[in-house]
PDB file of N, CA and C in Angstrom:
ATOM      1  N   UNK A   1     110.529  94.557 107.245  1.00  0.00           N
ATOM      2  CA  UNK A   1     110.328  95.985 107.326  1.00  0.00           C
ATOM      3  C   UNK A   1     108.881  96.292 106.946  1.00  0.00           C
ATOM      4  N   UNK A   2     108.178  96.972 107.816  1.00  0.00           N
ATOM      5  CA  UNK A   2     106.779  97.282 107.570  1.00  0.00           C
ATOM      6  C   UNK A   2     106.652  98.419 106.568  1.00  0.00           C
ATOM      7  N   UNK A   3     105.683  98.279 105.677  1.00  0.00           N
ATOM      8  CA  UNK A   3     105.452  99.331 104.693  1.00  0.00           C
ATOM      9  C   UNK A   3     104.713 100.484 105.358  1.00  0.00           C
ATOM     10  N   UNK A   4     104.930 101.651 104.845  1.00  0.00           N
ATOM     11  CA  UNK A   4     104.259 102.841 105.343  1.00  0.00           C
ATOM     12  C   UNK A   4     102.771 102.728 105.013  1.00  0.00           C
ATOM     13  N   UNK A   5     101.929 103.013 105.974  1.00  0.00           N
ATOM     14  CA  UNK A   5     100.499 102.899 105.732  1.00  0.00           C
ATOM     15  C   UNK A   5     100.026 104.051 104.857  1.00  0.00           C
ATOM     16  N   UNK A   6      99.278 103.711 103.835  1.00  0.00           N
ATOM     17  CA  UNK A   6      98.744 104.700 102.917  1.00  0.00           C
ATOM     18  C   UNK A   6      97.629 105.491 103.603  1.00  0.00           C
ATOM     19  N   UNK A   7      97.526 106.783 103.324  1.00  0.00           N
ATOM     20  CA  UNK A   7      96.396 107.531 103.871  1.00  0.00           C
ATOM     21  C   UNK A   7      95.100 107.013 103.255  1.00  0.00           C
ATOM     22  N   UNK A   8      94.064 107.031 104.022  1.00  0.00           N
ATOM     23  CA  UNK A   8      92.782 106.512 103.544  1.00  0.00           C
ATOM     24  C   UNK A   8      92.276 107.369 102.389  1.00  0.00           C
ATOM     25  N   UNK A   9      91.898 106.691 101.336  1.00  0.00           N
ATOM     26  CA  UNK A   9      91.328 107.362 100.176  1.00  0.00           C
ATOM     27  C   UNK A   9      89.914 106.838  99.996  1.00  0.00           C
ATOM     28  N   UNK A  10      89.005 107.365 100.765  1.00  0.00           N
ATOM     29  CA  UNK A  10      87.616 106.935 100.694  1.00  0.00           C
ATOM     30  C   UNK A  10      86.826 108.063 100.048  1.00  0.00           C
ATOM     31  N   UNK A  11      86.153 107.714  98.969  1.00  0.00           N
ATOM     32  CA  UNK A  11      85.355 108.682  98.230  1.00  0.00           C
ATOM     33  C   UNK A  11      83.885 108.306  98.330  1.00  0.00           C
ATOM     34  N   UNK A  12      83.033 109.297  98.274  1.00  0.00           N
ATOM     35  CA  UNK A  12      81.590 109.073  98.329  1.00  0.00           C
ATOM     36  C   UNK A  12      81.000 109.413  96.951  1.00  0.00           C
ATOM     37  N   UNK A  13      80.232 108.468  96.405  1.00  0.00           N
ATOM     38  CA  UNK A  13      79.617 108.679  95.103  1.00  0.00           C
ATOM     39  C   UNK A  13      78.392 109.574  95.245  1.00  0.00           C
ATOM     40  N   UNK A  14      77.804 109.940  94.122  1.00  0.00           N
ATOM     41  CA  UNK A  14      76.600 110.773  94.158  1.00  0.00           C
ATOM     42  C   UNK A  14      75.434 110.046  94.812  1.00  0.00           C
ATOM     43  N   UNK A  15      75.439 108.717  94.736  1.00  0.00           N
ATOM     44  CA  UNK A  15      74.376 107.938  95.365  1.00  0.00           C
ATOM     45  C   UNK A  15      74.623 107.722  96.856  1.00  0.00           C
ATOM     46  N   UNK A  16      75.762 108.188  97.377  1.00  0.00           N
ATOM     47  CA  UNK A  16      76.059 108.057  98.786  1.00  0.00           C
ATOM     48  C   UNK A  16      76.864 106.819  99.131  1.00  0.00           C
ATOM     49  N   UNK A  17      77.249 106.044  98.138  1.00  0.00           N
ATOM     50  CA  UNK A  17      78.030 104.839  98.374  1.00  0.00           C
ATOM     51  C   UNK A  17      79.492 105.234  98.574  1.00  0.00           C
ATOM     52  N   UNK A  18      80.168 104.617  99.565  1.00  0.00           N
ATOM     53  CA  UNK A  18      81.568 104.919  99.820  1.00  0.00           C
ATOM     54  C   UNK A  18      82.453 103.903  99.111  1.00  0.00           C
ATOM     55  N   UNK A  19      83.536 104.397  98.480  1.00  0.00           N
ATOM     56  CA  UNK A  19      84.475 103.545  97.772  1.00  0.00           C
ATOM     57  C   UNK A  19      85.854 103.769  98.372  1.00  0.00           C
ATOM     58  N   UNK A  20      86.477 102.681  98.861  1.00  0.00           N
ATOM     59  CA  UNK A  20      87.829 102.737  99.415  1.00  0.00           C
ATOM     60  C   UNK A  20      88.794 102.410  98.274  1.00  0.00           C
ATOM     61  N   UNK A  21      89.508 103.406  97.766  1.00  0.00           N
ATOM     62  CA  UNK A  21      90.390 103.227  96.614  1.00  0.00           C
ATOM     63  C   UNK A  21      91.586 102.337  96.934  1.00  0.00           C
ATOM     64  N   UNK A  22      92.140 102.414  98.151  1.00  0.00           N
ATOM     65  CA  UNK A  22      93.275 101.565  98.517  1.00  0.00           C
ATOM     66  C   UNK A  22      92.887 100.092  98.492  1.00  0.00           C
ATOM     67  N   UNK A  23      91.710  99.768  99.011  1.00  0.00           N
ATOM     68  CA  UNK A  23      91.254  98.378  99.012  1.00  0.00           C
ATOM     69  C   UNK A  23      90.988  97.902  97.592  1.00  0.00           C
ATOM     70  N   UNK A  24      90.486  98.776  96.739  1.00  0.00           N
ATOM     71  CA  UNK A  24      90.210  98.440  95.350  1.00  0.00           C
ATOM     72  C   UNK A  24      91.511  98.154  94.592  1.00  0.00           C
ATOM     73  N   UNK A  25      92.557  98.943  94.851  1.00  0.00           N
ATOM     74  CA  UNK A  25      93.851  98.736  94.204  1.00  0.00           C
ATOM     75  C   UNK A  25      94.451  97.406  94.649  1.00  0.00           C
ATOM     76  N   UNK A  26      94.424  97.121  95.948  1.00  0.00           N
ATOM     77  CA  UNK A  26      94.983  95.876  96.458  1.00  0.00           C
ATOM     78  C   UNK A  26      94.228  94.650  95.948  1.00  0.00           C
ATOM     79  N   UNK A  27      92.932  94.775  95.767  1.00  0.00           N
ATOM     80  CA  UNK A  27      92.133  93.642  95.287  1.00  0.00           C
ATOM     81  C   UNK A  27      92.418  93.327  93.827  1.00  0.00           C
ATOM     82  N   UNK A  28      92.900  94.316  93.054  1.00  0.00           N
ATOM     83  CA  UNK A  28      93.080  94.118  91.613  1.00  0.00           C
ATOM     84  C   UNK A  28      94.525  94.226  91.153  1.00  0.00           C
ATOM     85  N   UNK A  29      95.511  94.107  92.065  1.00  0.00           N
ATOM     86  CA  UNK A  29      96.892  94.313  91.663  1.00  0.00           C
ATOM     87  C   UNK A  29      97.443  93.200  90.783  1.00  0.00           C
ATOM     88  N   UNK A  30      96.845  92.022  90.761  1.00  0.00           N
ATOM     89  CA  UNK A  30      97.320  90.936  89.907  1.00  0.00           C
ATOM     90  C   UNK A  30      96.551  90.850  88.588  1.00  0.00           C
ATOM     91  N   UNK A  31      95.636  91.779  88.348  1.00  0.00           N
ATOM     92  CA  UNK A  31      94.876  91.821  87.106  1.00  0.00           C
ATOM     93  C   UNK A  31      95.770  92.328  85.976  1.00  0.00           C
ATOM     94  N   UNK A  32      95.661  91.720  84.803  1.00  0.00           N
ATOM     95  CA  UNK A  32      96.460  92.133  83.651  1.00  0.00           C
ATOM     96  C   UNK A  32      96.023  93.531  83.226  1.00  0.00           C
ATOM     97  N   UNK A  33      97.002  94.413  83.043  1.00  0.00           N
ATOM     98  CA  UNK A  33      96.713  95.796  82.672  1.00  0.00           C
ATOM     99  C   UNK A  33      96.232  95.873  81.227  1.00  0.00           C
ATOM    100  N   UNK A  34      95.457  96.894  80.927  1.00  0.00           N
ATOM    101  CA  UNK A  34      94.951  97.110  79.578  1.00  0.00           C
ATOM    102  C   UNK A  34      96.009  97.845  78.777  1.00  0.00           C
ATOM    103  N   UNK A  35      96.298  97.373  77.576  1.00  0.00           N
ATOM    104  CA  UNK A  35      97.278  98.012  76.718  1.00  0.00           C
ATOM    105  C   UNK A  35      98.152  96.981  76.041  1.00  0.00           C
ATOM    106  N   UNK A  36      99.177  97.451  75.343  1.00  0.00           N
ATOM    107  CA  UNK A  36     100.034  96.533  74.605  1.00  0.00           C
ATOM    108  C   UNK A  36     101.291  96.151  75.372  1.00  0.00           C
ATOM    109  N   UNK A  37     101.443  96.603  76.608  1.00  0.00           N
ATOM    110  CA  UNK A  37     102.581  96.234  77.440  1.00  0.00           C
ATOM    111  C   UNK A  37     102.141  95.059  78.303  1.00  0.00           C
ATOM    112  N   UNK A  38     102.942  94.004  78.339  1.00  0.00           N
ATOM    113  CA  UNK A  38     102.585  92.789  79.070  1.00  0.00           C
ATOM    114  C   UNK A  38     102.957  92.927  80.542  1.00  0.00           C
ATOM    115  N   UNK A  39     102.144  93.649  81.313  1.00  0.00           N
ATOM    116  CA  UNK A  39     102.343  93.813  82.746  1.00  0.00           C
ATOM    117  C   UNK A  39     101.003  93.666  83.451  1.00  0.00           C
ATOM    118  N   UNK A  40     101.062  93.397  84.758  1.00  0.00           N
ATOM    119  CA  UNK A  40      99.839  93.429  85.539  1.00  0.00           C
ATOM    120  C   UNK A  40      99.723  94.808  86.177  1.00  0.00           C
ATOM    121  N   UNK A  41      98.660  95.024  86.942  1.00  0.00           N
ATOM    122  CA  UNK A  41      98.417  96.346  87.506  1.00  0.00           C
ATOM    123  C   UNK A  41      99.483  96.747  88.516  1.00  0.00           C
ATOM    124  N   UNK A  42     100.196  95.786  89.071  1.00  0.00           N
ATOM    125  CA  UNK A  42     101.252  96.059  90.037  1.00  0.00           C
ATOM    126  C   UNK A  42     102.537  96.493  89.355  1.00  0.00           C
ATOM    127  N   UNK A  43     102.784  96.039  88.113  1.00  0.00           N
ATOM    128  CA  UNK A  43     103.992  96.402  87.387  1.00  0.00           C
ATOM    129  C   UNK A  43     104.899  95.231  87.112  1.00  0.00           C
ATOM    130  N   UNK A  44     104.465  93.992  87.442  1.00  0.00           N
ATOM    131  CA  UNK A  44     105.254  92.798  87.150  1.00  0.00           C
ATOM    132  C   UNK A  44     105.178  92.493  85.659  1.00  0.00           C
ATOM    133  N   UNK A  45     106.311  92.082  85.052  1.00  0.00           N
ATOM    134  CA  UNK A  45     106.303  91.680  83.644  1.00  0.00           C
ATOM    135  C   UNK A  45     105.696  90.295  83.534  1.00  0.00           C
ATOM    136  N   UNK A  46     104.822  90.114  82.551  1.00  0.00           N
ATOM    137  CA  UNK A  46     104.127  88.851  82.376  1.00  0.00           C
ATOM    138  C   UNK A  46     104.605  88.138  81.129  1.00  0.00           C
ATOM    139  N   UNK A  47     104.616  86.819  81.190  1.00  0.00           N
ATOM    140  CA  UNK A  47     104.983  85.985  80.064  1.00  0.00           C
ATOM    141  C   UNK A  47     103.756  85.294  79.505  1.00  0.00           C
ATOM    142  N   UNK A  48     103.965  84.201  78.769  1.00  0.00           N
ATOM    143  CA  UNK A  48     102.835  83.461  78.200  1.00  0.00           C
ATOM    144  C   UNK A  48     101.908  82.936  79.295  1.00  0.00           C
ATOM    145  N   UNK A  49     100.630  83.042  79.070  1.00  0.00           N
ATOM    146  CA  UNK A  49      99.649  82.557  80.037  1.00  0.00           C
ATOM    147  C   UNK A  49      99.468  83.453  81.241  1.00  0.00           C
ATOM    148  N   UNK A  50     100.054  84.640  81.230  1.00  0.00           N
ATOM    149  CA  UNK A  50      99.895  85.566  82.347  1.00  0.00           C
ATOM    150  C   UNK A  50     100.767  85.251  83.543  1.00  0.00           C
ATOM    151  N   UNK A  51     101.795  84.417  83.354  1.00  0.00           N
ATOM    152  CA  UNK A  51     102.693  84.087  84.456  1.00  0.00           C
ATOM    153  C   UNK A  51     103.719  85.207  84.647  1.00  0.00           C
ATOM    154  N   UNK A  52     104.089  85.455  85.887  1.00  0.00           N
ATOM    155  CA  UNK A  52     105.041  86.519  86.205  1.00  0.00           C
ATOM    156  C   UNK A  52     106.443  86.069  85.809  1.00  0.00           C
ATOM    157  N   UNK A  53     107.096  86.859  84.924  1.00  0.00           N
ATOM    158  CA  UNK A  53     108.453  86.574  84.470  1.00  0.00           C
ATOM    159  C   UNK A  53     109.450  87.315  85.351  1.00  0.00           C
ATOM    160  N   UNK A  54     109.221  88.605  85.554  1.00  0.00           N
ATOM    161  CA  UNK A  54     110.085  89.427  86.426  1.00  0.00           C
ATOM    162  C   UNK A  54     109.195  90.235  87.347  1.00  0.00           C
ATOM    163  N   UNK A  55     109.551  90.252  88.627  1.00  0.00           N
ATOM    164  CA  UNK A  55     108.772  91.014  89.595  1.00  0.00           C
ATOM    165  C   UNK A  55     109.054  92.508  89.452  1.00  0.00           C
ATOM    166  N   UNK A  56     108.156  93.287  89.977  1.00  0.00           N
ATOM    167  CA  UNK A  56     108.230  94.746  89.897  1.00  0.00           C
ATOM    168  C   UNK A  56     109.541  95.270  90.477  1.00  0.00           C
ATOM    169  N   UNK A  57     109.994  94.679  91.570  1.00  0.00           N
ATOM    170  CA  UNK A  57     111.221  95.128  92.224  1.00  0.00           C
ATOM    171  C   UNK A  57     112.430  94.939  91.310  1.00  0.00           C
ATOM    172  N   UNK A  58     112.465  93.820  90.549  1.00  0.00           N
ATOM    173  CA  UNK A  58     113.564  93.563  89.622  1.00  0.00           C
ATOM    174  C   UNK A  58     113.549  94.565  88.472  1.00  0.00           C
ATOM    175  N   UNK A  59     112.365  94.884  87.988  1.00  0.00           N
ATOM    176  CA  UNK A  59     112.237  95.846  86.890  1.00  0.00           C
ATOM    177  C   UNK A  59     112.727  97.215  87.341  1.00  0.00           C
ATOM    178  N   UNK A  60     112.337  97.635  88.551  1.00  0.00           N
ATOM    179  CA  UNK A  60     112.761  98.939  89.062  1.00  0.00           C
ATOM    180  C   UNK A  60     114.260  98.973  89.333  1.00  0.00           C
ATOM    181  N   UNK A  61     114.822  97.854  89.821  1.00  0.00           N
ATOM    182  CA  UNK A  61     116.262  97.805  90.079  1.00  0.00           C
ATOM    183  C   UNK A  61     117.040  97.918  88.778  1.00  0.00           C
ATOM    184  N   UNK A  62     116.584  97.254  87.706  1.00  0.00           N
ATOM    185  CA  UNK A  62     117.257  97.344  86.411  1.00  0.00           C
ATOM    186  C   UNK A  62     117.172  98.766  85.848  1.00  0.00           C
ATOM    187  N   UNK A  63     116.039  99.415  86.046  1.00  0.00           N
ATOM    188  CA  UNK A  63     115.867 100.771  85.526  1.00  0.00           C
ATOM    189  C   UNK A  63     116.762 101.763  86.261  1.00  0.00           C
ATOM    190  N   UNK A  64     116.983 101.548  87.555  1.00  0.00           N
ATOM    191  CA  UNK A  64     117.815 102.487  88.308  1.00  0.00           C
ATOM    192  C   UNK A  64     119.302 102.252  88.045  1.00  0.00           C
ATOM    193  N   UNK A  65     119.684 101.067  87.562  1.00  0.00           N
ATOM    194  CA  UNK A  65     121.084 100.756  87.296  1.00  0.00           C
ATOM    195  C   UNK A  65     121.553 101.216  85.922  1.00  0.00           C
ATOM    196  N   UNK A  66     120.640 101.617  85.049  1.00  0.00           N
ATOM    197  CA  UNK A  66     121.029 102.036  83.704  1.00  0.00           C
ATOM    198  C   UNK A  66     121.691 103.407  83.760  1.00  0.00           C
ATOM    199  N   UNK A  67     122.771 103.547  83.015  1.00  0.00           N
ATOM    200  CA  UNK A  67     123.487 104.819  82.967  1.00  0.00           C
ATOM    201  C   UNK A  67     122.768 105.779  82.019  1.00  0.00           C
ATOM    202  N   UNK A  68     122.721 107.025  82.395  1.00  0.00           N
ATOM    203  CA  UNK A  68     122.106 108.052  81.558  1.00  0.00           C
ATOM    204  C   UNK A  68     123.198 108.656  80.691  1.00  0.00           C
ATOM    205  N   UNK A  69     123.026 108.682  79.374  1.00  0.00           N
ATOM    206  CA  UNK A  69     124.073 109.233  78.515  1.00  0.00           C
ATOM    207  C   UNK A  69     124.217 110.742  78.720  1.00  0.00           C
ATOM    208  N   UNK A  70     125.443 111.222  78.531  1.00  0.00           N
ATOM    209  CA  UNK A  70     125.686 112.659  78.622  1.00  0.00           C
ATOM    210  C   UNK A  70     125.027 113.353  77.439  1.00  0.00           C
ATOM    211  N   UNK A  71     124.722 114.619  77.630  1.00  0.00           N
ATOM    212  CA  UNK A  71     124.115 115.373  76.537  1.00  0.00           C
ATOM    213  C   UNK A  71     125.154 115.651  75.465  1.00  0.00           C
ATOM    214  N   UNK A  72     124.733 115.566  74.237  1.00  0.00           N
ATOM    215  CA  UNK A  72     125.610 115.860  73.115  1.00  0.00           C
ATOM    216  C   UNK A  72     125.356 117.280  72.643  1.00  0.00           C
ATOM    217  N   UNK A  73     126.409 117.950  72.214  1.00  0.00           N
ATOM    218  CA  UNK A  73     126.254 119.288  71.678  1.00  0.00           C
ATOM    219  C   UNK A  73     125.827 119.154  70.222  1.00  0.00           C
ATOM    220  N   UNK A  74     124.573 119.453  69.956  1.00  0.00           N
ATOM    221  CA  UNK A  74     124.026 119.300  68.615  1.00  0.00           C
ATOM    222  C   UNK A  74     124.561 120.381  67.689  1.00  0.00           C
ATOM    223  N   UNK A  75     124.888 121.531  68.236  1.00  0.00           N
ATOM    224  CA  UNK A  75     125.303 122.663  67.405  1.00  0.00           C
ATOM    225  C   UNK A  75     126.818 122.814  67.367  1.00  0.00           C
ATOM    226  N   UNK A  76     127.537 121.713  67.255  1.00  0.00           N
ATOM    227  CA  UNK A  76     128.984 121.809  67.129  1.00  0.00           C
ATOM    228  C   UNK A  76     129.319 122.464  65.791  1.00  0.00           C
ATOM    229  N   UNK A  77     130.405 123.207  65.803  1.00  0.00           N
ATOM    230  CA  UNK A  77     130.796 123.896  64.558  1.00  0.00           C
ATOM    231  C   UNK A  77     131.291 122.896  63.542  1.00  0.00           C
ATOM    232  N   UNK A  78     130.977 123.164  62.296  1.00  0.00           N
ATOM    233  CA  UNK A  78     131.410 122.320  61.184  1.00  0.00           C
ATOM    234  C   UNK A  78     132.898 122.593  60.912  1.00  0.00           C
ATOM    235  N   UNK A  79     133.746 121.539  60.839  1.00  0.00           N
ATOM    236  CA  UNK A  79     135.175 121.773  60.624  1.00  0.00           C
ATOM    237  C   UNK A  79     135.487 122.402  59.273  1.00  0.00           C
ATOM    238  N   UNK A  80     134.560 122.342  58.294  1.00  0.00           N
ATOM    239  CA  UNK A  80     134.808 122.937  56.989  1.00  0.00           C
ATOM    240  C   UNK A  80     134.501 124.427  56.981  1.00  0.00           C
ATOM    241  N   UNK A  81     133.973 124.959  58.085  1.00  0.00           N
ATOM    242  CA  UNK A  81     133.705 126.381  58.157  1.00  0.00           C
ATOM    243  C   UNK A  81     132.246 126.726  57.873  1.00  0.00           C
ATOM    244  N   UNK A  82     131.473 125.770  57.371  1.00  0.00           N
ATOM    245  CA  UNK A  82     130.060 126.024  57.103  1.00  0.00           C
ATOM    246  C   UNK A  82     129.229 125.806  58.355  1.00  0.00           C
ATOM    247  N   UNK A  83     128.005 126.216  58.296  1.00  0.00           N
ATOM    248  CA  UNK A  83     127.132 126.076  59.454  1.00  0.00           C
ATOM    249  C   UNK A  83     126.274 124.866  59.330  1.00  0.00           C
TER     250      UNK A  83
END
């Protein structure tokens, strides 16, 4: 299945240089992201040595399968009659 083509995101700097943001993202998608979460720029979970432990698709599938808890009524009446 072919992916939908992204609209061109070409920006021009003050010096007149053109930067293609889509090409820049694709060139750096395997770079380790900055921060305390062990992921690359694409969203894959990384293990020791920067090896991919779980792919982005697996992470998203696990997140969509989690059940959302029902809301709890915080202001339930106290059975002793107090508030």
